[in-house]
């Protein structure tokens, strides 16, 4: 992998001082690295945010999308190798949470610096399977689900040209998330803090709590009022939790 390849994948909006804890942020289905610009700004300079840009969107829209969580995890794992001179924490929302779990598995299996902390958000545990086929719907059916979850900027949904550009990535990511199959294996060893909304149609409280089964490390479940994108309304509280956890990890 070249430096330019790494720059395509990893966006550092606010570089932090040497030794600052690093938080890898993985977008939701149809999302992009820019979703995490406010997170990077809020945590800077105490935490360095590495926001991942998947192929097939924004400045990478000419590249083919990756429609498998396992393959996308393998590619993200490879891209993160230069950043693993110190432990990486991982935050992922929705599809990004499942992806983060698989990336964390690869990092722990590879040895070296362990995962500092895993923060899954808005996603059921990998072992909590559902049969979902939204990715097979026509464009209007797919967009209806996106609108229901309120995960895409309404300006994009209202602009036909931007919408045509975004639809392939949205459908691809839905396919990746809905066809994901958990493969049993060794548990993670890192702390896991799960964030979920109490009215999320994609994740029940029990499905969120099931994340506890996937790591031998400390576990915490934080439930917030709201639906699938509860984090938009509760960002300050979520970031306080993340910052405190990473500070404790660094000090320890």
C-alpha atoms as a PDB file:
ATOM      1  CA  UNK A   1       0.000   0.000   0.000  1.00  0.00           C
ATOM      2  CA  UNK A   2       1.317   3.452  -0.906  1.00  0.00           C
ATOM      3  CA  UNK A   3       1.009   6.659   1.126  1.00  0.00           C
ATOM      4  CA  UNK A   4      -1.539   7.913  -1.410  1.00  0.00           C
ATOM      5  CA  UNK A   5      -3.617   4.766  -0.918  1.00  0.00           C
ATOM      6  CA  UNK A   6      -3.607   5.363   2.835  1.00  0.00           C
ATOM      7  CA  UNK A   7      -4.683   8.950   2.255  1.00  0.00           C
ATOM      8  CA  UNK A   8      -7.677   7.757   0.258  1.00  0.00           C
ATOM      9  CA  UNK A   9      -8.829   5.563   3.125  1.00  0.00           C
ATOM     10  CA  UNK A  10      -7.885   7.488   6.262  1.00  0.00           C
ATOM     11  CA  UNK A  11      -8.911  11.119   6.886  1.00  0.00           C
ATOM     12  CA  UNK A  12      -7.196  13.053   9.687  1.00  0.00           C
ATOM     13  CA  UNK A  13      -9.225  16.242   9.943  1.00  0.00           C
ATOM     14  CA  UNK A  14      -7.425  17.432  13.090  1.00  0.00           C
ATOM     15  CA  UNK A  15      -4.007  15.831  13.654  1.00  0.00           C
ATOM     16  CA  UNK A  16      -3.168  15.414  17.333  1.00  0.00           C
ATOM     17  CA  UNK A  17       0.091  15.579  19.296  1.00  0.00           C
ATOM     18  CA  UNK A  18       2.342  12.533  19.325  1.00  0.00           C
ATOM     19  CA  UNK A  19       1.139   9.886  21.738  1.00  0.00           C
ATOM     20  CA  UNK A  20      -2.508  11.001  21.767  1.00  0.00           C
ATOM     21  CA  UNK A  21      -4.949   8.070  21.742  1.00  0.00           C
ATOM     22  CA  UNK A  22      -6.252   7.187  18.289  1.00  0.00           C
ATOM     23  CA  UNK A  23      -9.898   6.519  17.497  1.00  0.00           C
ATOM     24  CA  UNK A  24     -10.771   4.843  14.197  1.00  0.00           C
ATOM     25  CA  UNK A  25     -14.284   5.867  13.095  1.00  0.00           C
ATOM     26  CA  UNK A  26     -16.225   3.670  10.661  1.00  0.00           C
ATOM     27  CA  UNK A  27     -19.292   5.101   8.859  1.00  0.00           C
ATOM     28  CA  UNK A  28     -22.794   3.666   8.613  1.00  0.00           C
ATOM     29  CA  UNK A  29     -24.341   2.305   5.409  1.00  0.00           C
ATOM     30  CA  UNK A  30     -24.121   4.968   2.725  1.00  0.00           C
ATOM     31  CA  UNK A  31     -22.029   7.142   5.018  1.00  0.00           C
ATOM     32  CA  UNK A  32     -18.651   8.752   4.489  1.00  0.00           C
ATOM     33  CA  UNK A  33     -15.658   9.910   6.493  1.00  0.00           C
ATOM     34  CA  UNK A  34     -16.981  13.488   6.590  1.00  0.00           C
ATOM     35  CA  UNK A  35     -19.769  12.302   8.928  1.00  0.00           C
ATOM     36  CA  UNK A  36     -17.087  12.215  11.619  1.00  0.00           C
ATOM     37  CA  UNK A  37     -15.668  15.704  11.050  1.00  0.00           C
ATOM     38  CA  UNK A  38     -17.641  17.113  14.022  1.00  0.00           C
ATOM     39  CA  UNK A  39     -16.438  14.191  16.162  1.00  0.00           C
ATOM     40  CA  UNK A  40     -12.828  14.901  15.218  1.00  0.00           C
ATOM     41  CA  UNK A  41     -13.243  18.590  15.952  1.00  0.00           C
ATOM     42  CA  UNK A  42     -14.861  17.936  19.336  1.00  0.00           C
ATOM     43  CA  UNK A  43     -12.237  15.414  20.489  1.00  0.00           C
ATOM     44  CA  UNK A  44      -9.211  17.331  19.155  1.00  0.00           C
ATOM     45  CA  UNK A  45      -6.467  17.653  20.284  1.00  0.00           C
ATOM     46  CA  UNK A  46      -6.831  15.132  23.130  1.00  0.00           C
ATOM     47  CA  UNK A  47      -7.853  12.285  20.786  1.00  0.00           C
ATOM     48  CA  UNK A  48      -6.748  11.782  17.181  1.00  0.00           C
ATOM     49  CA  UNK A  49      -9.668  10.670  15.010  1.00  0.00           C
ATOM     50  CA  UNK A  50      -8.919   8.535  11.955  1.00  0.00           C
ATOM     51  CA  UNK A  51     -12.108   8.616   9.870  1.00  0.00           C
ATOM     52  CA  UNK A  52     -12.289   5.862   7.250  1.00  0.00           C
ATOM     53  CA  UNK A  53     -13.528   6.626   3.744  1.00  0.00           C
ATOM     54  CA  UNK A  54     -14.933   3.541   2.018  1.00  0.00           C
ATOM     55  CA  UNK A  55     -14.598   3.154  -1.766  1.00  0.00           C
ATOM     56  CA  UNK A  56     -17.534   4.201  -3.920  1.00  0.00           C
ATOM     57  CA  UNK A  57     -18.509   7.524  -2.328  1.00  0.00           C
ATOM     58  CA  UNK A  58     -17.619  11.216  -2.478  1.00  0.00           C
ATOM     59  CA  UNK A  59     -14.050  11.574  -3.804  1.00  0.00           C
ATOM     60  CA  UNK A  60     -13.841   7.760  -4.171  1.00  0.00           C
ATOM     61  CA  UNK A  61     -17.110   7.410  -6.097  1.00  0.00           C
ATOM     62  CA  UNK A  62     -15.346   6.153  -9.227  1.00  0.00           C
ATOM     63  CA  UNK A  63     -13.977   3.142  -7.321  1.00  0.00           C
ATOM     64  CA  UNK A  64     -16.009  -0.059  -6.995  1.00  0.00           C
ATOM     65  CA  UNK A  65     -17.803  -0.529  -3.682  1.00  0.00           C
ATOM     66  CA  UNK A  66     -16.991  -3.479  -1.439  1.00  0.00           C
ATOM     67  CA  UNK A  67     -20.167  -5.479  -0.779  1.00  0.00           C
ATOM     68  CA  UNK A  68     -18.810  -7.864   1.862  1.00  0.00           C
ATOM     69  CA  UNK A  69     -18.142  -6.969   5.484  1.00  0.00           C
ATOM     70  CA  UNK A  70     -15.404  -9.607   5.649  1.00  0.00           C
ATOM     71  CA  UNK A  71     -13.597  -8.211   2.592  1.00  0.00           C
ATOM     72  CA  UNK A  72     -14.035  -4.593   3.690  1.00  0.00           C
ATOM     73  CA  UNK A  73     -12.652  -5.525   7.126  1.00  0.00           C
ATOM     74  CA  UNK A  74      -9.634  -7.128   5.480  1.00  0.00           C
ATOM     75  CA  UNK A  75      -8.959  -3.991   3.458  1.00  0.00           C
ATOM     76  CA  UNK A  76      -9.448  -1.621   6.401  1.00  0.00           C
ATOM     77  CA  UNK A  77      -7.172  -3.815   8.524  1.00  0.00           C
ATOM     78  CA  UNK A  78      -4.440  -3.508   5.909  1.00  0.00           C
ATOM     79  CA  UNK A  79      -4.850   0.255   5.640  1.00  0.00           C
ATOM     80  CA  UNK A  80      -4.569   0.677   9.411  1.00  0.00           C
ATOM     81  CA  UNK A  81      -1.275  -1.195   9.657  1.00  0.00           C
ATOM     82  CA  UNK A  82       0.888   1.988   9.572  1.00  0.00           C
ATOM     83  CA  UNK A  83      -1.158   3.416  12.477  1.00  0.00           C
ATOM     84  CA  UNK A  84      -0.678   0.452  14.776  1.00  0.00           C
ATOM     85  CA  UNK A  85       2.495   1.688  16.425  1.00  0.00           C
ATOM     86  CA  UNK A  86       0.145   2.306  19.352  1.00  0.00           C
ATOM     87  CA  UNK A  87      -3.204   0.762  20.331  1.00  0.00           C
ATOM     88  CA  UNK A  88      -6.211   1.787  18.237  1.00  0.00           C
ATOM     89  CA  UNK A  89      -9.702   2.294  19.616  1.00  0.00           C
ATOM     90  CA  UNK A  90     -12.565   1.676  17.173  1.00  0.00           C
ATOM     91  CA  UNK A  91     -15.965   3.385  16.918  1.00  0.00           C
ATOM     92  CA  UNK A  92     -18.509   2.267  14.340  1.00  0.00           C
ATOM     93  CA  UNK A  93     -22.144   3.162  13.844  1.00  0.00           C
ATOM     94  CA  UNK A  94     -24.672   0.723  12.358  1.00  0.00           C
ATOM     95  CA  UNK A  95     -22.875  -1.203   9.597  1.00  0.00           C
ATOM     96  CA  UNK A  96     -19.681   0.403  10.882  1.00  0.00           C
ATOM     97  CA  UNK A  97     -20.147  -1.334  14.242  1.00  0.00           C
ATOM     98  CA  UNK A  98     -20.162  -4.786  12.651  1.00  0.00           C
ATOM     99  CA  UNK A  99     -17.209  -3.792  10.497  1.00  0.00           C
ATOM    100  CA  UNK A 100     -15.377  -2.526  13.572  1.00  0.00           C
ATOM    101  CA  UNK A 101     -15.869  -5.850  15.300  1.00  0.00           C
ATOM    102  CA  UNK A 102     -14.372  -7.745  12.359  1.00  0.00           C
ATOM    103  CA  UNK A 103     -11.443  -5.315  12.108  1.00  0.00           C
ATOM    104  CA  UNK A 104     -10.829  -5.703  15.852  1.00  0.00           C
ATOM    105  CA  UNK A 105     -10.778  -9.479  15.426  1.00  0.00           C
ATOM    106  CA  UNK A 106      -8.157  -9.207  12.705  1.00  0.00           C
ATOM    107  CA  UNK A 107      -6.023  -6.844  14.794  1.00  0.00           C
ATOM    108  CA  UNK A 108      -6.121  -9.094  17.851  1.00  0.00           C
ATOM    109  CA  UNK A 109      -5.386 -12.207  15.790  1.00  0.00           C
ATOM    110  CA  UNK A 110      -2.404 -10.450  14.215  1.00  0.00           C
ATOM    111  CA  UNK A 111      -0.701  -9.760  17.547  1.00  0.00           C
ATOM    112  CA  UNK A 112       1.196  -6.597  18.406  1.00  0.00           C
ATOM    113  CA  UNK A 113      -0.602  -3.655  19.988  1.00  0.00           C
ATOM    114  CA  UNK A 114      -4.082  -4.802  21.081  1.00  0.00           C
ATOM    115  CA  UNK A 115      -7.317  -2.945  20.432  1.00  0.00           C
ATOM    116  CA  UNK A 116      -7.646  -0.271  23.106  1.00  0.00           C
ATOM    117  CA  UNK A 117     -11.468  -0.157  23.134  1.00  0.00           C
ATOM    118  CA  UNK A 118     -14.382  -1.086  20.868  1.00  0.00           C
ATOM    119  CA  UNK A 119     -17.361   1.281  20.706  1.00  0.00           C
ATOM    120  CA  UNK A 120     -20.252  -0.273  18.702  1.00  0.00           C
ATOM    121  CA  UNK A 121     -23.176   2.093  18.116  1.00  0.00           C
ATOM    122  CA  UNK A 122     -26.656   1.518  16.732  1.00  0.00           C
ATOM    123  CA  UNK A 123     -26.110  -2.128  15.822  1.00  0.00           C
ATOM    124  CA  UNK A 124     -27.072  -5.475  17.249  1.00  0.00           C
ATOM    125  CA  UNK A 125     -24.332  -7.889  18.327  1.00  0.00           C
ATOM    126  CA  UNK A 126     -22.737  -9.896  15.505  1.00  0.00           C
ATOM    127  CA  UNK A 127     -24.274 -13.119  16.843  1.00  0.00           C
ATOM    128  CA  UNK A 128     -27.802 -11.611  16.855  1.00  0.00           C
ATOM    129  CA  UNK A 129     -28.913 -12.461  13.339  1.00  0.00           C
ATOM    130  CA  UNK A 130     -31.938 -11.062  11.499  1.00  0.00           C
ATOM    131  CA  UNK A 131     -33.227 -11.870   8.038  1.00  0.00           C
ATOM    132  CA  UNK A 132     -33.259  -8.530   6.211  1.00  0.00           C
ATOM    133  CA  UNK A 133     -33.673  -7.881   2.489  1.00  0.00           C
ATOM    134  CA  UNK A 134     -33.996  -4.113   2.141  1.00  0.00           C
ATOM    135  CA  UNK A 135     -31.086  -4.146  -0.330  1.00  0.00           C
ATOM    136  CA  UNK A 136     -33.282  -6.139  -2.740  1.00  0.00           C
ATOM    137  CA  UNK A 137     -36.019  -3.471  -2.875  1.00  0.00           C
ATOM    138  CA  UNK A 138     -36.359  -1.030  -5.753  1.00  0.00           C
ATOM    139  CA  UNK A 139     -34.892   2.452  -5.394  1.00  0.00           C
ATOM    140  CA  UNK A 140     -38.018   3.924  -3.783  1.00  0.00           C
ATOM    141  CA  UNK A 141     -38.234   1.089  -1.282  1.00  0.00           C
ATOM    142  CA  UNK A 142     -34.586   1.493  -0.344  1.00  0.00           C
ATOM    143  CA  UNK A 143     -34.941   5.248   0.030  1.00  0.00           C
ATOM    144  CA  UNK A 144     -38.038   4.806   2.183  1.00  0.00           C
ATOM    145  CA  UNK A 145     -35.958   2.815   4.654  1.00  0.00           C
ATOM    146  CA  UNK A 146     -33.186   5.404   4.580  1.00  0.00           C
ATOM    147  CA  UNK A 147     -35.688   8.188   5.242  1.00  0.00           C
ATOM    148  CA  UNK A 148     -37.256   6.196   8.082  1.00  0.00           C
ATOM    149  CA  UNK A 149     -33.889   5.925   9.765  1.00  0.00           C
ATOM    150  CA  UNK A 150     -33.088   9.606   9.047  1.00  0.00           C
ATOM    151  CA  UNK A 151     -29.506   8.719   8.340  1.00  0.00           C
ATOM    152  CA  UNK A 152     -28.911  10.706   5.164  1.00  0.00           C
ATOM    153  CA  UNK A 153     -28.907  14.466   4.880  1.00  0.00           C
ATOM    154  CA  UNK A 154     -32.264  15.626   3.519  1.00  0.00           C
ATOM    155  CA  UNK A 155     -30.494  17.945   1.078  1.00  0.00           C
ATOM    156  CA  UNK A 156     -28.975  14.886  -0.573  1.00  0.00           C
ATOM    157  CA  UNK A 157     -32.316  13.075  -0.679  1.00  0.00           C
ATOM    158  CA  UNK A 158     -33.918  16.085  -2.307  1.00  0.00           C
ATOM    159  CA  UNK A 159     -31.280  16.588  -5.022  1.00  0.00           C
ATOM    160  CA  UNK A 160     -31.812  14.083  -7.882  1.00  0.00           C
ATOM    161  CA  UNK A 161     -28.233  14.346  -9.126  1.00  0.00           C
ATOM    162  CA  UNK A 162     -26.708  13.818  -5.682  1.00  0.00           C
ATOM    163  CA  UNK A 163     -29.195  11.066  -4.994  1.00  0.00           C
ATOM    164  CA  UNK A 164     -28.252   9.153  -8.134  1.00  0.00           C
ATOM    165  CA  UNK A 165     -24.620   9.413  -7.093  1.00  0.00           C
ATOM    166  CA  UNK A 166     -25.319   8.168  -3.538  1.00  0.00           C
ATOM    167  CA  UNK A 167     -27.731   5.314  -4.290  1.00  0.00           C
ATOM    168  CA  UNK A 168     -25.179   2.740  -5.454  1.00  0.00           C
ATOM    169  CA  UNK A 169     -23.136   3.119  -2.266  1.00  0.00           C
ATOM    170  CA  UNK A 170     -26.257   3.000  -0.093  1.00  0.00           C
ATOM    171  CA  UNK A 171     -27.525  -0.175  -1.753  1.00  0.00           C
ATOM    172  CA  UNK A 172     -24.083  -1.746  -1.650  1.00  0.00           C
ATOM    173  CA  UNK A 173     -23.684  -1.080   2.069  1.00  0.00           C
ATOM    174  CA  UNK A 174     -27.163  -2.371   2.866  1.00  0.00           C
ATOM    175  CA  UNK A 175     -26.234  -5.549   0.979  1.00  0.00           C
ATOM    176  CA  UNK A 176     -22.986  -5.884   2.942  1.00  0.00           C
ATOM    177  CA  UNK A 177     -24.719  -5.386   6.276  1.00  0.00           C
ATOM    178  CA  UNK A 178     -27.731  -7.601   5.531  1.00  0.00           C
ATOM    179  CA  UNK A 179     -25.743 -10.516   4.108  1.00  0.00           C
ATOM    180  CA  UNK A 180     -23.172 -10.507   6.912  1.00  0.00           C
ATOM    181  CA  UNK A 181     -22.851 -13.857   8.670  1.00  0.00           C
ATOM    182  CA  UNK A 182     -21.116 -14.116  12.013  1.00  0.00           C
ATOM    183  CA  UNK A 183     -18.446 -16.808  12.188  1.00  0.00           C
ATOM    184  CA  UNK A 184     -17.789 -18.009  15.759  1.00  0.00           C
ATOM    185  CA  UNK A 185     -14.215 -17.583  16.950  1.00  0.00           C
ATOM    186  CA  UNK A 186     -12.072 -16.366  19.833  1.00  0.00           C
ATOM    187  CA  UNK A 187     -13.536 -13.536  21.871  1.00  0.00           C
ATOM    188  CA  UNK A 188     -11.973 -10.113  21.833  1.00  0.00           C
ATOM    189  CA  UNK A 189     -10.018  -9.103  24.923  1.00  0.00           C
ATOM    190  CA  UNK A 190     -10.662  -5.354  24.791  1.00  0.00           C
ATOM    191  CA  UNK A 191     -13.230  -3.286  26.704  1.00  0.00           C
ATOM    192  CA  UNK A 192     -16.519  -2.882  24.836  1.00  0.00           C
ATOM    193  CA  UNK A 193     -18.879   0.071  25.302  1.00  0.00           C
ATOM    194  CA  UNK A 194     -22.132  -0.145  23.347  1.00  0.00           C
ATOM    195  CA  UNK A 195     -24.359   2.837  22.521  1.00  0.00           C
ATOM    196  CA  UNK A 196     -27.956   2.299  21.410  1.00  0.00           C
ATOM    197  CA  UNK A 197     -31.265   4.117  21.064  1.00  0.00           C
ATOM    198  CA  UNK A 198     -34.280   2.926  23.007  1.00  0.00           C
ATOM    199  CA  UNK A 199     -36.502   3.193  19.911  1.00  0.00           C
ATOM    200  CA  UNK A 200     -34.150   1.871  17.229  1.00  0.00           C
ATOM    201  CA  UNK A 201     -36.029  -0.401  14.789  1.00  0.00           C
ATOM    202  CA  UNK A 202     -32.743  -2.048  13.818  1.00  0.00           C
ATOM    203  CA  UNK A 203     -31.587  -2.994  17.321  1.00  0.00           C
ATOM    204  CA  UNK A 204     -33.420  -4.079  20.463  1.00  0.00           C
ATOM    205  CA  UNK A 205     -31.913  -3.573  23.913  1.00  0.00           C
ATOM    206  CA  UNK A 206     -31.371  -7.325  24.232  1.00  0.00           C
ATOM    207  CA  UNK A 207     -29.614  -7.437  20.848  1.00  0.00           C
ATOM    208  CA  UNK A 208     -27.357  -4.578  21.959  1.00  0.00           C
ATOM    209  CA  UNK A 209     -26.622  -6.259  25.285  1.00  0.00           C
ATOM    210  CA  UNK A 210     -25.558  -9.409  23.416  1.00  0.00           C
ATOM    211  CA  UNK A 211     -22.310  -7.605  22.507  1.00  0.00           C
ATOM    212  CA  UNK A 212     -21.170  -8.645  25.979  1.00  0.00           C
ATOM    213  CA  UNK A 213     -20.756 -12.192  24.664  1.00  0.00           C
ATOM    214  CA  UNK A 214     -18.052 -11.111  22.200  1.00  0.00           C
ATOM    215  CA  UNK A 215     -15.271  -9.953  24.521  1.00  0.00           C
ATOM    216  CA  UNK A 216     -13.676 -11.011  27.781  1.00  0.00           C
ATOM    217  CA  UNK A 217     -12.977  -7.362  28.590  1.00  0.00           C
ATOM    218  CA  UNK A 218     -15.128  -4.959  30.630  1.00  0.00           C
ATOM    219  CA  UNK A 219     -18.570  -4.284  29.144  1.00  0.00           C
ATOM    220  CA  UNK A 220     -20.872  -1.279  29.329  1.00  0.00           C
ATOM    221  CA  UNK A 221     -24.222  -0.617  27.618  1.00  0.00           C
ATOM    222  CA  UNK A 222     -25.477   2.947  27.356  1.00  0.00           C
ATOM    223  CA  UNK A 223     -29.065   3.465  26.207  1.00  0.00           C
ATOM    224  CA  UNK A 224     -30.211   6.859  24.924  1.00  0.00           C
ATOM    225  CA  UNK A 225     -33.643   8.173  23.975  1.00  0.00           C
ATOM    226  CA  UNK A 226     -34.132   8.036  20.210  1.00  0.00           C
ATOM    227  CA  UNK A 227     -34.117   5.919  17.088  1.00  0.00           C
ATOM    228  CA  UNK A 228     -31.376   4.613  14.846  1.00  0.00           C
ATOM    229  CA  UNK A 229     -29.503   7.911  14.676  1.00  0.00           C
ATOM    230  CA  UNK A 230     -29.859   8.749  18.382  1.00  0.00           C
ATOM    231  CA  UNK A 231     -26.194   9.794  18.372  1.00  0.00           C
ATOM    232  CA  UNK A 232     -27.013  13.016  16.511  1.00  0.00           C
ATOM    233  CA  UNK A 233     -28.969  14.263  19.533  1.00  0.00           C
ATOM    234  CA  UNK A 234     -26.635  12.836  22.168  1.00  0.00           C
ATOM    235  CA  UNK A 235     -23.207  13.458  20.679  1.00  0.00           C
ATOM    236  CA  UNK A 236     -21.793  15.411  23.668  1.00  0.00           C
ATOM    237  CA  UNK A 237     -22.621  12.638  26.157  1.00  0.00           C
ATOM    238  CA  UNK A 238     -21.298   9.917  23.846  1.00  0.00           C
ATOM    239  CA  UNK A 239     -18.059  11.792  23.217  1.00  0.00           C
ATOM    240  CA  UNK A 240     -17.562  12.394  26.934  1.00  0.00           C
ATOM    241  CA  UNK A 241     -17.792   8.645  27.478  1.00  0.00           C
ATOM    242  CA  UNK A 242     -15.347   7.909  24.668  1.00  0.00           C
ATOM    243  CA  UNK A 243     -12.882  10.572  25.789  1.00  0.00           C
ATOM    244  CA  UNK A 244     -12.956   9.387  29.394  1.00  0.00           C
ATOM    245  CA  UNK A 245     -12.458   5.753  28.360  1.00  0.00           C
ATOM    246  CA  UNK A 246      -9.500   6.560  26.113  1.00  0.00           C
ATOM    247  CA  UNK A 247      -7.898   8.808  28.716  1.00  0.00           C
ATOM    248  CA  UNK A 248      -8.124   5.998  31.265  1.00  0.00           C
ATOM    249  CA  UNK A 249      -6.609   3.600  28.718  1.00  0.00           C
ATOM    250  CA  UNK A 250      -3.735   5.971  27.976  1.00  0.00           C
ATOM    251  CA  UNK A 251      -3.021   6.674  31.632  1.00  0.00           C
ATOM    252  CA  UNK A 252      -3.209   2.974  32.465  1.00  0.00           C
END
